């Protein structure tokens, strides 16, 4: 790639698709608060429930479910409550600054 052209289109598209999947997964998995004791954490999910959600969102957003599963395995080990030392959150380890930039109010909602 010639110098000065920025991030390759393929990389930007993959980041965009992964972001869409992340926020879709978050909204599918996590209930809206219904009481003042709501902690913002995800419910206990089985691997099967996570796989079903991934398959649904992959079909809905025309994404490769194997790609989503590989990213989730690498990023969080399928732990919806994973938080990295740097502060990335959830299955696909989204940074709060990226969520803010994309106008996502609550990564757990």
N, C-alpha and C. Protein backbone atom coordinates (compact mmCIF):
# COMPACT_ATOMS: atom_id res chain seq x y z
N UNK A 1 0.85 -1.18 0.00
CA UNK A 1 0.00 0.00 0.00
C UNK A 1 0.89 1.23 0.00
N UNK A 2 0.65 2.19 -0.92
CA UNK A 2 1.44 3.41 -0.95
C UNK A 2 1.26 4.20 0.33
N UNK A 3 2.33 4.87 0.71
CA UNK A 3 2.31 5.65 1.94
C UNK A 3 1.28 6.76 1.86
N UNK A 4 0.58 7.01 3.00
CA UNK A 4 -0.37 8.11 3.06
C UNK A 4 -1.80 7.75 2.70
N UNK A 5 -2.06 6.49 2.40
CA UNK A 5 -3.42 6.11 2.03
C UNK A 5 -4.25 5.64 3.21
N UNK A 6 -3.69 5.57 4.40
CA UNK A 6 -4.47 5.20 5.58
C UNK A 6 -4.72 3.71 5.68
N UNK A 7 -5.75 3.37 6.44
CA UNK A 7 -6.11 1.98 6.69
C UNK A 7 -6.72 1.37 5.44
N UNK A 8 -6.30 0.15 5.06
CA UNK A 8 -6.87 -0.50 3.89
C UNK A 8 -8.38 -0.70 4.03
N UNK A 9 -9.09 -0.65 2.93
CA UNK A 9 -10.54 -0.78 2.92
C UNK A 9 -10.98 -2.09 3.57
N UNK A 10 -10.29 -3.18 3.27
CA UNK A 10 -10.68 -4.48 3.84
C UNK A 10 -10.63 -4.44 5.37
N UNK A 11 -9.59 -3.83 5.92
CA UNK A 11 -9.48 -3.72 7.38
C UNK A 11 -10.61 -2.89 7.94
N UNK A 12 -10.92 -1.76 7.31
CA UNK A 12 -12.02 -0.91 7.78
C UNK A 12 -13.35 -1.64 7.72
N UNK A 13 -13.57 -2.40 6.65
CA UNK A 13 -14.82 -3.16 6.53
C UNK A 13 -14.92 -4.22 7.61
N UNK A 14 -13.83 -4.95 7.86
CA UNK A 14 -13.86 -5.97 8.90
C UNK A 14 -14.11 -5.36 10.27
N UNK A 15 -13.50 -4.22 10.55
CA UNK A 15 -13.74 -3.55 11.83
C UNK A 15 -15.20 -3.12 11.93
N UNK A 16 -15.74 -2.58 10.85
CA UNK A 16 -17.14 -2.16 10.85
C UNK A 16 -18.09 -3.33 11.05
N UNK A 17 -17.83 -4.43 10.36
CA UNK A 17 -18.67 -5.62 10.50
C UNK A 17 -18.57 -6.20 11.91
N UNK A 18 -17.37 -6.25 12.44
CA UNK A 18 -17.19 -6.78 13.80
C UNK A 18 -17.90 -5.88 14.81
N UNK A 19 -17.81 -4.57 14.62
CA UNK A 19 -18.49 -3.64 15.53
C UNK A 19 -20.00 -3.84 15.49
N UNK A 20 -20.53 -4.00 14.28
CA UNK A 20 -21.97 -4.23 14.13
C UNK A 20 -22.37 -5.51 14.86
N UNK A 21 -21.58 -6.54 14.69
CA UNK A 21 -21.88 -7.81 15.35
C UNK A 21 -21.80 -7.68 16.86
N UNK A 22 -20.79 -6.98 17.34
CA UNK A 22 -20.62 -6.80 18.78
C UNK A 22 -21.85 -6.16 19.38
N UNK A 23 -22.28 -5.05 18.80
CA UNK A 23 -23.40 -4.33 19.38
C UNK A 23 -24.69 -5.11 19.22
N UNK A 24 -24.81 -5.86 18.14
CA UNK A 24 -25.97 -6.72 17.99
C UNK A 24 -25.98 -7.82 19.04
N UNK A 25 -24.83 -8.44 19.27
CA UNK A 25 -24.74 -9.47 20.30
C UNK A 25 -25.06 -8.91 21.67
N UNK A 26 -24.55 -7.73 21.96
CA UNK A 26 -24.82 -7.11 23.26
C UNK A 26 -26.32 -6.90 23.45
N UNK A 27 -26.98 -6.38 22.42
CA UNK A 27 -28.41 -6.09 22.58
C UNK A 27 -29.23 -7.37 22.66
N UNK A 28 -28.76 -8.44 22.03
CA UNK A 28 -29.48 -9.70 22.07
C UNK A 28 -29.33 -10.38 23.42
N UNK A 29 -28.12 -10.39 23.97
CA UNK A 29 -27.84 -11.12 25.19
C UNK A 29 -28.33 -10.44 26.45
N UNK A 30 -28.31 -9.16 26.47
CA UNK A 30 -28.43 -8.47 27.74
C UNK A 30 -29.77 -7.79 27.91
N UNK A 31 -30.46 -8.09 29.00
CA UNK A 31 -31.78 -7.50 29.23
C UNK A 31 -31.67 -6.04 29.65
N UNK A 32 -32.73 -5.31 29.41
CA UNK A 32 -32.79 -3.94 29.91
C UNK A 32 -32.97 -3.99 31.42
N UNK A 33 -32.47 -3.01 32.13
CA UNK A 33 -32.65 -2.99 33.58
C UNK A 33 -34.13 -2.97 33.93
N UNK A 34 -34.50 -3.80 34.89
CA UNK A 34 -35.90 -3.83 35.33
C UNK A 34 -36.04 -3.49 36.80
N UNK A 35 -34.91 -3.34 37.48
CA UNK A 35 -34.97 -2.97 38.89
C UNK A 35 -33.72 -2.19 39.25
N UNK A 36 -33.73 -1.48 40.37
CA UNK A 36 -32.58 -0.66 40.72
C UNK A 36 -31.33 -1.45 41.07
N UNK A 37 -31.46 -2.77 41.26
CA UNK A 37 -30.30 -3.58 41.59
C UNK A 37 -29.57 -4.10 40.36
N UNK A 38 -30.05 -3.71 39.18
CA UNK A 38 -29.42 -4.18 37.94
C UNK A 38 -27.96 -3.79 37.92
N UNK A 39 -27.08 -4.76 37.69
CA UNK A 39 -25.64 -4.51 37.78
C UNK A 39 -25.01 -4.15 36.45
N UNK A 40 -25.76 -4.28 35.35
CA UNK A 40 -25.17 -4.02 34.05
C UNK A 40 -24.40 -5.21 33.51
N UNK A 41 -24.38 -6.32 34.22
CA UNK A 41 -23.67 -7.51 33.77
C UNK A 41 -24.61 -8.41 33.00
N UNK A 42 -24.03 -9.23 32.15
CA UNK A 42 -24.84 -10.13 31.35
C UNK A 42 -25.35 -11.30 32.18
N UNK A 43 -26.44 -11.91 31.74
CA UNK A 43 -26.94 -13.09 32.44
C UNK A 43 -25.98 -14.26 32.21
N UNK A 44 -26.11 -15.30 33.01
CA UNK A 44 -25.30 -16.49 32.78
C UNK A 44 -25.76 -17.13 31.48
N UNK A 45 -24.86 -17.22 30.53
CA UNK A 45 -25.19 -17.77 29.23
C UNK A 45 -24.38 -19.02 28.99
N UNK A 46 -25.03 -20.00 28.37
CA UNK A 46 -24.31 -21.21 28.00
C UNK A 46 -23.62 -20.97 26.66
N UNK A 47 -22.64 -21.77 26.38
CA UNK A 47 -21.96 -21.68 25.08
C UNK A 47 -22.97 -21.87 23.95
N UNK A 48 -23.92 -22.77 24.16
CA UNK A 48 -24.95 -23.01 23.13
C UNK A 48 -25.76 -21.75 22.87
N UNK A 49 -26.16 -21.03 23.92
CA UNK A 49 -26.93 -19.80 23.74
C UNK A 49 -26.11 -18.75 22.99
N UNK A 50 -24.84 -18.67 23.31
CA UNK A 50 -23.97 -17.73 22.62
C UNK A 50 -23.85 -18.11 21.15
N UNK A 51 -23.66 -19.39 20.86
CA UNK A 51 -23.56 -19.85 19.47
C UNK A 51 -24.85 -19.57 18.70
N UNK A 52 -25.99 -19.80 19.33
CA UNK A 52 -27.26 -19.53 18.65
C UNK A 52 -27.39 -18.04 18.32
N UNK A 53 -27.00 -17.20 19.25
CA UNK A 53 -27.05 -15.75 19.00
C UNK A 53 -26.08 -15.36 17.89
N UNK A 54 -24.88 -15.91 17.91
CA UNK A 54 -23.91 -15.61 16.86
C UNK A 54 -24.46 -16.01 15.51
N UNK A 55 -25.03 -17.20 15.42
CA UNK A 55 -25.59 -17.67 14.15
C UNK A 55 -26.71 -16.76 13.67
N UNK A 56 -27.57 -16.32 14.59
CA UNK A 56 -28.68 -15.44 14.21
C UNK A 56 -28.14 -14.11 13.68
N UNK A 57 -27.21 -13.50 14.42
CA UNK A 57 -26.67 -12.21 13.99
C UNK A 57 -25.83 -12.33 12.73
N UNK A 58 -25.13 -13.43 12.57
CA UNK A 58 -24.35 -13.63 11.35
C UNK A 58 -25.28 -13.66 10.14
N UNK A 59 -26.38 -14.37 10.27
CA UNK A 59 -27.34 -14.42 9.17
C UNK A 59 -27.99 -13.06 8.95
N UNK A 60 -28.40 -12.42 10.03
CA UNK A 60 -29.09 -11.13 9.95
C UNK A 60 -28.22 -10.05 9.30
N UNK A 61 -26.92 -10.04 9.63
CA UNK A 61 -26.01 -9.00 9.12
C UNK A 61 -25.11 -9.51 8.00
N UNK A 62 -25.39 -10.72 7.49
CA UNK A 62 -24.63 -11.30 6.39
C UNK A 62 -23.14 -11.39 6.72
N UNK A 63 -22.85 -11.94 7.89
CA UNK A 63 -21.48 -12.14 8.34
C UNK A 63 -21.17 -13.62 8.41
N UNK A 64 -19.91 -13.97 8.37
CA UNK A 64 -19.48 -15.36 8.49
C UNK A 64 -19.49 -15.74 9.97
N UNK A 65 -20.35 -16.68 10.39
CA UNK A 65 -20.40 -17.04 11.81
C UNK A 65 -19.07 -17.59 12.32
N UNK A 66 -18.31 -18.25 11.45
CA UNK A 66 -17.01 -18.78 11.88
C UNK A 66 -16.06 -17.64 12.25
N UNK A 67 -16.13 -16.54 11.51
CA UNK A 67 -15.30 -15.37 11.83
C UNK A 67 -15.69 -14.79 13.18
N UNK A 68 -17.00 -14.63 13.42
CA UNK A 68 -17.45 -14.09 14.69
C UNK A 68 -17.04 -14.99 15.85
N UNK A 69 -17.20 -16.29 15.68
CA UNK A 69 -16.82 -17.24 16.74
C UNK A 69 -15.31 -17.20 16.99
N UNK A 70 -14.52 -17.08 15.93
CA UNK A 70 -13.07 -17.01 16.09
C UNK A 70 -12.65 -15.75 16.84
N UNK A 71 -13.27 -14.62 16.51
CA UNK A 71 -12.95 -13.37 17.20
C UNK A 71 -13.33 -13.47 18.67
N UNK A 72 -14.53 -13.98 18.94
CA UNK A 72 -14.99 -14.10 20.33
C UNK A 72 -14.09 -15.05 21.12
N UNK A 73 -13.71 -16.17 20.51
CA UNK A 73 -12.82 -17.12 21.20
C UNK A 73 -11.49 -16.45 21.54
N UNK A 74 -10.93 -15.72 20.57
CA UNK A 74 -9.63 -15.07 20.79
C UNK A 74 -9.72 -13.93 21.79
N UNK A 75 -10.80 -13.15 21.72
CA UNK A 75 -10.90 -11.94 22.53
C UNK A 75 -11.33 -12.20 23.97
N UNK A 76 -12.31 -13.09 24.16
CA UNK A 76 -12.87 -13.26 25.51
C UNK A 76 -12.99 -14.70 25.97
N UNK A 77 -12.67 -15.65 25.10
CA UNK A 77 -12.85 -17.05 25.48
C UNK A 77 -14.31 -17.38 25.76
N UNK A 78 -15.22 -16.68 25.08
CA UNK A 78 -16.67 -16.86 25.23
C UNK A 78 -17.18 -16.46 26.61
N UNK A 79 -16.50 -15.54 27.26
CA UNK A 79 -16.95 -15.02 28.56
C UNK A 79 -17.59 -13.66 28.34
N UNK A 80 -18.95 -13.57 28.41
CA UNK A 80 -19.62 -12.29 28.15
C UNK A 80 -19.27 -11.21 29.15
N UNK A 81 -18.74 -11.58 30.30
CA UNK A 81 -18.38 -10.59 31.32
C UNK A 81 -16.89 -10.26 31.32
N UNK A 82 -16.17 -10.73 30.32
CA UNK A 82 -14.73 -10.48 30.26
C UNK A 82 -14.44 -8.99 30.18
N UNK A 83 -13.43 -8.56 30.93
CA UNK A 83 -12.93 -7.19 30.86
C UNK A 83 -11.41 -7.29 30.84
N UNK A 84 -10.80 -6.67 29.84
CA UNK A 84 -9.35 -6.74 29.72
C UNK A 84 -8.66 -5.76 30.65
N UNK A 85 -7.35 -5.92 30.80
CA UNK A 85 -6.57 -4.98 31.62
C UNK A 85 -6.64 -3.57 31.05
N UNK A 86 -6.86 -3.46 29.75
CA UNK A 86 -6.95 -2.15 29.11
C UNK A 86 -8.37 -1.58 29.17
N UNK A 87 -9.35 -2.41 29.61
CA UNK A 87 -10.72 -1.92 29.75
C UNK A 87 -11.69 -2.35 28.67
N UNK A 88 -11.25 -3.21 27.74
CA UNK A 88 -12.16 -3.71 26.71
C UNK A 88 -13.20 -4.61 27.38
N UNK A 89 -14.42 -4.58 26.86
CA UNK A 89 -15.56 -5.20 27.53
C UNK A 89 -16.25 -6.23 26.63
N UNK A 90 -16.71 -7.31 27.25
CA UNK A 90 -17.64 -8.24 26.60
C UNK A 90 -17.00 -9.30 25.73
N UNK A 91 -17.86 -9.99 25.01
CA UNK A 91 -17.44 -11.12 24.18
C UNK A 91 -16.38 -10.74 23.17
N UNK A 92 -16.56 -9.60 22.51
CA UNK A 92 -15.63 -9.19 21.46
C UNK A 92 -14.68 -8.09 21.92
N UNK A 93 -14.69 -7.80 23.21
CA UNK A 93 -13.73 -6.88 23.83
C UNK A 93 -13.73 -5.51 23.15
N UNK A 94 -14.85 -4.84 23.23
CA UNK A 94 -15.00 -3.49 22.68
C UNK A 94 -14.51 -2.48 23.70
N UNK A 95 -13.70 -1.56 23.25
CA UNK A 95 -13.21 -0.49 24.13
C UNK A 95 -14.32 0.54 24.32
N UNK A 96 -14.50 1.03 25.54
CA UNK A 96 -15.53 2.05 25.78
C UNK A 96 -15.39 3.27 24.88
N UNK A 97 -14.16 3.66 24.56
CA UNK A 97 -13.96 4.82 23.68
C UNK A 97 -14.53 4.56 22.29
N UNK A 98 -14.41 3.33 21.79
CA UNK A 98 -15.00 3.00 20.50
C UNK A 98 -16.52 2.99 20.58
N UNK A 99 -17.04 2.47 21.68
CA UNK A 99 -18.50 2.48 21.87
C UNK A 99 -19.01 3.91 21.91
N UNK A 100 -18.28 4.78 22.59
CA UNK A 100 -18.69 6.19 22.67
C UNK A 100 -18.65 6.84 21.29
N UNK A 101 -17.59 6.56 20.54
CA UNK A 101 -17.46 7.14 19.20
C UNK A 101 -18.60 6.68 18.30
N UNK A 102 -19.06 5.44 18.50
CA UNK A 102 -20.16 4.90 17.70
C UNK A 102 -21.52 5.17 18.33
N UNK A 103 -21.53 5.98 19.40
CA UNK A 103 -22.74 6.41 20.08
C UNK A 103 -23.53 5.25 20.69
N UNK A 104 -22.81 4.30 21.26
CA UNK A 104 -23.43 3.20 22.00
C UNK A 104 -23.45 3.62 23.46
N UNK A 105 -24.63 3.76 24.03
CA UNK A 105 -24.74 4.25 25.40
C UNK A 105 -24.29 3.26 26.44
N UNK A 106 -24.57 1.98 26.25
CA UNK A 106 -24.28 0.98 27.26
C UNK A 106 -23.89 -0.32 26.56
N UNK A 107 -22.67 -0.74 26.71
CA UNK A 107 -22.22 -1.98 26.06
C UNK A 107 -22.95 -3.21 26.56
N UNK A 108 -23.52 -3.13 27.76
CA UNK A 108 -24.24 -4.26 28.32
C UNK A 108 -25.73 -4.20 28.04
N UNK A 109 -26.18 -3.26 27.25
CA UNK A 109 -27.61 -3.12 26.97
C UNK A 109 -27.88 -3.44 25.53
